[in-house]
Amino acid sequence: MNKILTNELIEKKLKEKYSFIEDLDQDTMLDILQNEYEFKLTDEWNRSPDYSIYAETTADGYEVWIATPGDGSNVCVSEDVHYYDGELSERLQEAMTDYNELIYVDDLEADYVEDAIVSLYQDLYEEKEDEITNELIEQGYEWPEEVEA
């Protein structure tokens, strides 16, 4: 008898090996990400972050966002200053996976923070899901053949 590979089996093995569940709250997702990528996300300024994302106001009253390595003392205007917060989610995801131990974000409740956490968690979940699937296939499991209607 063939070993049948199912989504339920993959999810069960995922929970057993990694304690991963697909639908979690944001705080739990963040905890898992912080453990996996070895970083801490904080909104408490301590003058020594490895990466910083924060809002500033221009001389003429516009709000811009700074996303830069370090504490913000060496900002490159053409690379680190953003007029819109739309790219900040991607920059935060890069910072989370790029060996930054301490990441400062001035507003942990911002939409881009939630977007980064959810998106990165989904990527990690899918990566681990693929890993489990490949392990099961190596153990002789096979997807059931689809029957055409």
N, C-alpha and C. Protein backbone atom coordinates (compact mmCIF):
# COMPACT_ATOMS: atom_id res chain seq x y z
N MET A 1 0.85 -1.20 0.00
CA MET A 1 0.00 0.00 0.00
C MET A 1 0.88 1.24 0.00
N ASN A 2 0.50 2.19 -0.83
CA ASN A 2 1.26 3.43 -0.94
C ASN A 2 0.98 4.35 0.24
N LYS A 3 1.97 5.12 0.59
CA LYS A 3 1.80 6.14 1.61
C LYS A 3 1.22 7.37 0.90
N ILE A 4 0.06 7.82 1.38
CA ILE A 4 -0.63 8.94 0.75
C ILE A 4 -0.24 10.25 1.42
N LEU A 5 0.18 11.20 0.61
CA LEU A 5 0.55 12.53 1.08
C LEU A 5 -0.67 13.43 1.03
N THR A 6 -1.02 14.03 2.16
CA THR A 6 -2.19 14.93 2.23
C THR A 6 -1.77 16.24 2.90
N ASN A 7 -2.57 17.26 2.66
CA ASN A 7 -2.32 18.55 3.32
C ASN A 7 -2.44 18.43 4.83
N GLU A 8 -3.35 17.58 5.29
CA GLU A 8 -3.53 17.36 6.72
C GLU A 8 -2.28 16.75 7.34
N LEU A 9 -1.68 15.79 6.65
CA LEU A 9 -0.45 15.16 7.13
C LEU A 9 0.69 16.18 7.19
N ILE A 10 0.79 16.99 6.16
CA ILE A 10 1.84 18.01 6.13
C ILE A 10 1.67 18.99 7.28
N GLU A 11 0.44 19.43 7.50
CA GLU A 11 0.18 20.37 8.59
C GLU A 11 0.47 19.73 9.95
N LYS A 12 0.12 18.46 10.12
CA LYS A 12 0.39 17.75 11.37
C LYS A 12 1.90 17.69 11.63
N LYS A 13 2.67 17.32 10.60
CA LYS A 13 4.12 17.23 10.73
C LYS A 13 4.74 18.62 10.97
N LEU A 14 4.16 19.63 10.37
CA LEU A 14 4.63 21.01 10.56
C LEU A 14 4.46 21.43 12.01
N LYS A 15 3.32 21.09 12.59
CA LYS A 15 3.06 21.41 14.00
C LYS A 15 4.01 20.64 14.91
N GLU A 16 4.24 19.36 14.59
CA GLU A 16 5.11 18.53 15.41
C GLU A 16 6.56 19.03 15.39
N LYS A 17 7.06 19.35 14.21
CA LYS A 17 8.47 19.71 14.07
C LYS A 17 8.77 21.15 14.43
N TYR A 18 7.88 22.06 14.06
CA TYR A 18 8.16 23.48 14.23
C TYR A 18 7.16 24.24 15.09
N SER A 19 6.09 23.61 15.51
CA SER A 19 5.01 24.28 16.23
C SER A 19 4.37 25.37 15.38
N PHE A 20 4.39 25.20 14.07
CA PHE A 20 3.81 26.19 13.17
C PHE A 20 2.34 25.91 12.94
N ILE A 21 1.58 26.96 12.91
CA ILE A 21 0.17 26.90 12.55
C ILE A 21 -0.04 28.01 11.54
N GLU A 22 -0.88 27.77 10.56
CA GLU A 22 -1.04 28.75 9.47
C GLU A 22 -1.69 30.04 9.95
N ASP A 23 -2.74 29.96 10.74
CA ASP A 23 -3.47 31.15 11.15
C ASP A 23 -3.18 31.48 12.61
N LEU A 24 -2.27 32.42 12.83
CA LEU A 24 -1.90 32.84 14.18
C LEU A 24 -2.14 34.33 14.33
N ASP A 25 -2.12 34.79 15.57
CA ASP A 25 -2.21 36.23 15.79
C ASP A 25 -0.83 36.85 15.52
N GLN A 26 -0.81 38.14 15.31
CA GLN A 26 0.40 38.86 14.93
C GLN A 26 1.52 38.73 15.96
N ASP A 27 1.19 38.77 17.24
CA ASP A 27 2.22 38.67 18.28
C ASP A 27 2.91 37.31 18.26
N THR A 28 2.15 36.26 18.05
CA THR A 28 2.74 34.91 17.98
C THR A 28 3.59 34.77 16.73
N MET A 29 3.11 35.31 15.62
CA MET A 29 3.90 35.29 14.39
C MET A 29 5.24 36.00 14.61
N LEU A 30 5.17 37.17 15.26
CA LEU A 30 6.39 37.94 15.53
C LEU A 30 7.35 37.15 16.41
N ASP A 31 6.83 36.49 17.44
CA ASP A 31 7.68 35.67 18.31
C ASP A 31 8.40 34.58 17.51
N ILE A 32 7.67 33.91 16.64
CA ILE A 32 8.27 32.85 15.82
C ILE A 32 9.33 33.42 14.89
N LEU A 33 9.04 34.56 14.26
CA LEU A 33 10.00 35.19 13.37
C LEU A 33 11.25 35.64 14.13
N GLN A 34 11.06 36.22 15.30
CA GLN A 34 12.20 36.67 16.09
C GLN A 34 13.10 35.50 16.49
N ASN A 35 12.49 34.37 16.81
CA ASN A 35 13.29 33.18 17.14
C ASN A 35 13.99 32.61 15.91
N GLU A 36 13.29 32.56 14.80
CA GLU A 36 13.84 31.97 13.57
C GLU A 36 15.01 32.80 13.02
N TYR A 37 14.83 34.12 12.98
CA TYR A 37 15.82 35.00 12.35
C TYR A 37 16.71 35.73 13.37
N GLU A 38 16.50 35.47 14.64
CA GLU A 38 17.34 36.00 15.72
C GLU A 38 17.43 37.54 15.70
N PHE A 39 16.28 38.18 15.78
CA PHE A 39 16.23 39.63 15.91
C PHE A 39 15.21 40.01 16.97
N LYS A 40 15.27 41.25 17.38
CA LYS A 40 14.26 41.80 18.28
C LYS A 40 13.72 43.06 17.65
N LEU A 41 12.40 43.16 17.58
CA LEU A 41 11.72 44.33 17.05
C LEU A 41 11.24 45.15 18.24
N THR A 42 11.62 46.43 18.28
CA THR A 42 11.27 47.25 19.43
C THR A 42 10.89 48.66 19.00
N ASP A 43 10.09 49.30 19.84
CA ASP A 43 9.79 50.72 19.64
C ASP A 43 10.42 51.56 20.74
N GLU A 44 11.31 50.94 21.50
CA GLU A 44 12.03 51.65 22.56
C GLU A 44 13.40 52.05 22.05
N TRP A 45 13.64 53.34 21.99
CA TRP A 45 14.90 53.87 21.46
C TRP A 45 16.02 53.64 22.47
N ASN A 46 17.12 53.05 22.01
CA ASN A 46 18.25 52.84 22.91
C ASN A 46 19.58 53.29 22.32
N ARG A 47 19.54 53.98 21.20
CA ARG A 47 20.70 54.57 20.54
C ARG A 47 21.65 53.57 19.89
N SER A 48 21.32 52.29 19.87
CA SER A 48 22.23 51.34 19.23
C SER A 48 21.53 50.25 18.42
N PRO A 49 20.47 50.61 17.68
CA PRO A 49 19.83 49.56 16.86
C PRO A 49 20.71 49.22 15.65
N ASP A 50 20.49 48.02 15.13
CA ASP A 50 21.18 47.60 13.92
C ASP A 50 20.45 48.11 12.67
N TYR A 51 19.16 48.42 12.84
CA TYR A 51 18.36 48.94 11.74
C TYR A 51 17.26 49.80 12.35
N SER A 52 16.91 50.89 11.67
CA SER A 52 15.90 51.82 12.20
C SER A 52 14.91 52.22 11.13
N ILE A 53 13.64 52.29 11.53
CA ILE A 53 12.59 52.83 10.67
C ILE A 53 11.79 53.80 11.53
N TYR A 54 11.72 55.05 11.08
CA TYR A 54 11.03 56.07 11.86
C TYR A 54 10.58 57.21 10.96
N ALA A 55 9.64 57.98 11.45
CA ALA A 55 9.10 59.12 10.70
C ALA A 55 9.85 60.39 11.10
N GLU A 56 10.01 61.27 10.13
CA GLU A 56 10.58 62.60 10.34
C GLU A 56 9.72 63.59 9.59
N THR A 57 9.84 64.84 9.94
CA THR A 57 9.11 65.90 9.26
C THR A 57 10.10 66.80 8.53
N THR A 58 9.81 67.10 7.27
CA THR A 58 10.69 67.97 6.49
C THR A 58 10.51 69.41 6.93
N ALA A 59 11.40 70.28 6.47
CA ALA A 59 11.35 71.69 6.83
C ALA A 59 10.04 72.35 6.42
N ASP A 60 9.42 71.84 5.35
CA ASP A 60 8.16 72.42 4.88
C ASP A 60 6.93 71.65 5.36
N GLY A 61 7.12 70.79 6.37
CA GLY A 61 5.98 70.17 7.04
C GLY A 61 5.49 68.84 6.50
N TYR A 62 6.21 68.24 5.58
CA TYR A 62 5.81 66.93 5.06
C TYR A 62 6.41 65.83 5.92
N GLU A 63 5.66 64.74 6.05
CA GLU A 63 6.17 63.59 6.79
C GLU A 63 6.86 62.64 5.81
N VAL A 64 8.07 62.22 6.17
CA VAL A 64 8.80 61.23 5.40
C VAL A 64 9.22 60.12 6.37
N TRP A 65 9.58 58.97 5.80
CA TRP A 65 10.01 57.86 6.64
C TRP A 65 11.45 57.52 6.31
N ILE A 66 12.19 57.25 7.35
CA ILE A 66 13.59 56.86 7.22
C ILE A 66 13.68 55.36 7.51
N ALA A 67 14.30 54.62 6.62
CA ALA A 67 14.56 53.18 6.81
C ALA A 67 16.04 52.99 6.50
N THR A 68 16.83 52.80 7.54
CA THR A 68 18.28 52.82 7.36
C THR A 68 19.01 51.87 8.31
N PRO A 69 20.13 51.34 7.87
CA PRO A 69 20.95 50.56 8.80
C PRO A 69 21.44 51.44 9.94
N GLY A 70 21.58 50.86 11.11
CA GLY A 70 22.11 51.60 12.25
C GLY A 70 21.08 52.48 12.93
N ASP A 71 21.58 53.52 13.56
CA ASP A 71 20.74 54.38 14.39
C ASP A 71 20.18 55.59 13.67
N GLY A 72 20.43 55.71 12.39
CA GLY A 72 19.91 56.85 11.64
C GLY A 72 20.88 58.00 11.55
N SER A 73 22.09 57.83 12.06
CA SER A 73 23.05 58.94 12.03
C SER A 73 23.73 59.07 10.67
N ASN A 74 23.64 58.05 9.81
CA ASN A 74 24.25 58.10 8.48
C ASN A 74 23.21 57.84 7.41
N VAL A 75 22.20 58.68 7.35
CA VAL A 75 21.11 58.51 6.40
C VAL A 75 21.56 58.92 5.00
N CYS A 76 21.30 58.05 4.05
CA CYS A 76 21.54 58.36 2.64
C CYS A 76 20.18 58.77 2.06
N VAL A 77 20.03 60.03 1.73
CA VAL A 77 18.74 60.57 1.31
C VAL A 77 18.17 59.81 0.11
N SER A 78 19.01 59.49 -0.86
CA SER A 78 18.50 58.84 -2.07
C SER A 78 18.09 57.38 -1.84
N GLU A 79 18.58 56.73 -0.77
CA GLU A 79 18.27 55.33 -0.53
C GLU A 79 17.38 55.09 0.69
N ASP A 80 17.48 55.95 1.69
CA ASP A 80 16.85 55.68 2.98
C ASP A 80 15.61 56.51 3.28
N VAL A 81 15.36 57.55 2.52
CA VAL A 81 14.22 58.44 2.78
C VAL A 81 13.07 58.06 1.85
N HIS A 82 11.89 57.88 2.44
CA HIS A 82 10.71 57.46 1.67
C HIS A 82 9.58 58.48 1.89
N TYR A 83 8.99 58.93 0.79
CA TYR A 83 7.86 59.85 0.89
C TYR A 83 6.58 59.13 1.29
N TYR A 84 6.51 57.85 0.97
CA TYR A 84 5.33 57.05 1.27
C TYR A 84 5.76 55.83 2.07
N ASP A 85 4.87 55.32 2.90
CA ASP A 85 5.23 54.17 3.72
C ASP A 85 5.00 52.83 3.01
N GLY A 86 4.64 52.86 1.73
CA GLY A 86 4.35 51.65 0.97
C GLY A 86 5.52 50.69 0.84
N GLU A 87 6.75 51.19 0.80
CA GLU A 87 7.91 50.32 0.65
C GLU A 87 8.49 49.89 2.00
N LEU A 88 7.97 50.42 3.07
CA LEU A 88 8.56 50.13 4.38
C LEU A 88 8.37 48.68 4.80
N SER A 89 7.28 48.07 4.40
CA SER A 89 7.05 46.66 4.74
C SER A 89 8.17 45.80 4.17
N GLU A 90 8.50 46.04 2.91
CA GLU A 90 9.57 45.28 2.27
C GLU A 90 10.92 45.55 2.94
N ARG A 91 11.18 46.80 3.25
CA ARG A 91 12.45 47.14 3.91
C ARG A 91 12.54 46.50 5.29
N LEU A 92 11.41 46.46 6.01
CA LEU A 92 11.40 45.83 7.34
C LEU A 92 11.62 44.33 7.22
N GLN A 93 10.99 43.70 6.24
CA GLN A 93 11.20 42.27 6.03
C GLN A 93 12.67 41.97 5.74
N GLU A 94 13.29 42.79 4.91
CA GLU A 94 14.72 42.62 4.61
C GLU A 94 15.55 42.75 5.88
N ALA A 95 15.21 43.73 6.70
CA ALA A 95 15.96 43.95 7.95
C ALA A 95 15.80 42.75 8.89
N MET A 96 14.60 42.18 8.94
CA MET A 96 14.34 41.04 9.82
C MET A 96 15.15 39.81 9.42
N THR A 97 15.38 39.63 8.14
CA THR A 97 16.07 38.42 7.66
C THR A 97 17.55 38.65 7.38
N ASP A 98 18.03 39.86 7.61
CA ASP A 98 19.39 40.23 7.20
C ASP A 98 20.35 40.36 8.38
N TYR A 99 20.20 39.51 9.38
CA TYR A 99 21.12 39.44 10.52
C TYR A 99 21.20 40.73 11.34
N ASN A 100 20.11 41.43 11.46
CA ASN A 100 20.03 42.59 12.35
C ASN A 100 19.48 42.13 13.69
N GLU A 101 20.26 42.26 14.74
CA GLU A 101 19.81 41.77 16.05
C GLU A 101 18.74 42.66 16.66
N LEU A 102 18.88 43.97 16.53
CA LEU A 102 17.93 44.91 17.13
C LEU A 102 17.40 45.84 16.05
N ILE A 103 16.09 45.80 15.86
CA ILE A 103 15.45 46.65 14.84
C ILE A 103 14.52 47.61 15.56
N TYR A 104 14.78 48.90 15.38
CA TYR A 104 13.94 49.94 15.98
C TYR A 104 12.90 50.41 14.97
N VAL A 105 11.64 50.41 15.39
CA VAL A 105 10.53 50.95 14.61
C VAL A 105 9.77 51.88 15.52
N ASP A 106 9.58 53.12 15.10
CA ASP A 106 8.96 54.09 16.01
C ASP A 106 7.48 53.85 16.24
N ASP A 107 6.82 53.07 15.38
CA ASP A 107 5.39 52.80 15.55
C ASP A 107 5.11 51.33 15.22
N LEU A 108 5.11 50.50 16.25
CA LEU A 108 4.87 49.07 16.05
C LEU A 108 3.44 48.76 15.60
N GLU A 109 2.54 49.72 15.73
CA GLU A 109 1.15 49.53 15.33
C GLU A 109 0.89 49.95 13.88
N ALA A 110 1.91 50.44 13.20
CA ALA A 110 1.75 50.90 11.81
C ALA A 110 1.37 49.73 10.91
N ASP A 111 0.61 50.05 9.87
CA ASP A 111 0.16 49.01 8.93
C ASP A 111 1.33 48.29 8.29
N TYR A 112 2.40 49.01 7.95
CA TYR A 112 3.53 48.37 7.27
C TYR A 112 4.22 47.35 8.17
N VAL A 113 4.16 47.54 9.49
CA VAL A 113 4.75 46.57 10.42
C VAL A 113 3.92 45.28 10.39
N GLU A 114 2.61 45.42 10.48
CA GLU A 114 1.73 44.26 10.41
C GLU A 114 1.90 43.54 9.07
N ASP A 115 1.95 44.31 7.99
CA ASP A 115 2.12 43.71 6.66
C ASP A 115 3.43 42.92 6.59
N ALA A 116 4.50 43.48 7.13
CA ALA A 116 5.80 42.81 7.10
C ALA A 116 5.77 41.51 7.90
N ILE A 117 5.18 41.55 9.07
CA ILE A 117 5.11 40.36 9.93
C ILE A 117 4.30 39.27 9.26
N VAL A 118 3.12 39.61 8.77
CA VAL A 118 2.24 38.62 8.15
C VAL A 118 2.88 38.05 6.88
N SER A 119 3.44 38.89 6.05
CA SER A 119 4.04 38.44 4.80
C SER A 119 5.27 37.56 5.05
N LEU A 120 6.14 37.98 5.95
CA LEU A 120 7.34 37.20 6.24
C LEU A 120 6.98 35.87 6.91
N TYR A 121 5.98 35.90 7.80
CA TYR A 121 5.55 34.65 8.42
C TYR A 121 5.00 33.69 7.37
N GLN A 122 4.21 34.21 6.44
CA GLN A 122 3.65 33.37 5.38
C GLN A 122 4.78 32.77 4.53
N ASP A 123 5.79 33.56 4.22
CA ASP A 123 6.94 33.05 3.46
C ASP A 123 7.65 31.95 4.24
N LEU A 124 7.87 32.16 5.53
CA LEU A 124 8.54 31.17 6.37
C LEU A 124 7.69 29.91 6.48
N TYR A 125 6.38 30.08 6.66
CA TYR A 125 5.47 28.94 6.75
C TYR A 125 5.55 28.11 5.47
N GLU A 126 5.50 28.76 4.33
CA GLU A 126 5.56 28.05 3.05
C GLU A 126 6.91 27.35 2.87
N GLU A 127 7.98 27.99 3.31
CA GLU A 127 9.31 27.38 3.23
C GLU A 127 9.37 26.10 4.07
N LYS A 128 8.85 26.17 5.29
CA LYS A 128 8.84 25.00 6.17
C LYS A 128 7.88 23.93 5.65
N GLU A 129 6.77 24.37 5.07
CA GLU A 129 5.80 23.44 4.49
C GLU A 129 6.45 22.66 3.32
N ASP A 130 7.20 23.37 2.48
CA ASP A 130 7.90 22.71 1.38
C ASP A 130 8.95 21.74 1.91
N GLU A 131 9.63 22.12 2.97
CA GLU A 131 10.64 21.26 3.58
C GLU A 131 10.01 19.96 4.09
N ILE A 132 8.89 20.08 4.79
CA ILE A 132 8.18 18.90 5.31
C ILE A 132 7.68 18.04 4.15
N THR A 133 7.11 18.66 3.13
CA THR A 133 6.61 17.92 1.97
C THR A 133 7.74 17.11 1.33
N ASN A 134 8.89 17.75 1.14
CA ASN A 134 10.03 17.05 0.53
C ASN A 134 10.52 15.91 1.41
N GLU A 135 10.53 16.11 2.72
CA GLU A 135 10.92 15.03 3.63
C GLU A 135 9.97 13.85 3.53
N LEU A 136 8.68 14.13 3.46
CA LEU A 136 7.69 13.05 3.35
C LEU A 136 7.81 12.32 2.02
N ILE A 137 8.07 13.03 0.95
CA ILE A 137 8.25 12.40 -0.36
C ILE A 137 9.48 11.50 -0.34
N GLU A 138 10.55 11.97 0.32
CA GLU A 138 11.76 11.14 0.46
C GLU A 138 11.48 9.88 1.27
N GLN A 139 10.48 9.94 2.16
CA GLN A 139 10.10 8.77 2.97
C GLN A 139 9.13 7.85 2.23
N GLY A 140 8.81 8.18 0.99
CA GLY A 140 7.96 7.31 0.18
C GLY A 140 6.51 7.75 0.06
N TYR A 141 6.16 8.90 0.60
CA TYR A 141 4.79 9.40 0.46
C TYR A 141 4.59 9.94 -0.95
N GLU A 142 3.37 9.80 -1.44
CA GLU A 142 3.03 10.32 -2.77
C GLU A 142 1.69 11.03 -2.71
N TRP A 143 1.57 12.08 -3.53
CA TRP A 143 0.27 12.74 -3.67
C TRP A 143 -0.69 11.77 -4.34
N PRO A 144 -1.95 11.74 -3.94
CA PRO A 144 -2.91 10.85 -4.61
C PRO A 144 -3.12 11.31 -6.06
N GLU A 145 -3.37 10.33 -6.91
CA GLU A 145 -3.63 10.67 -8.32
C GLU A 145 -4.99 11.32 -8.40
N GLU A 146 -5.06 12.37 -9.22
CA GLU A 146 -6.33 13.07 -9.41
C GLU A 146 -7.19 12.30 -10.41
N VAL A 147 -8.45 12.17 -10.08
CA VAL A 147 -9.39 11.50 -10.97
C VAL A 147 -10.11 12.56 -11.78
N GLU A 148 -10.06 12.40 -13.11
CA GLU A 148 -10.73 13.38 -13.99
C GLU A 148 -12.24 13.12 -13.99
N ALA A 149 -12.99 14.19 -13.95
CA ALA A 149 -14.45 14.05 -13.93
C ALA A 149 -15.02 13.91 -15.31
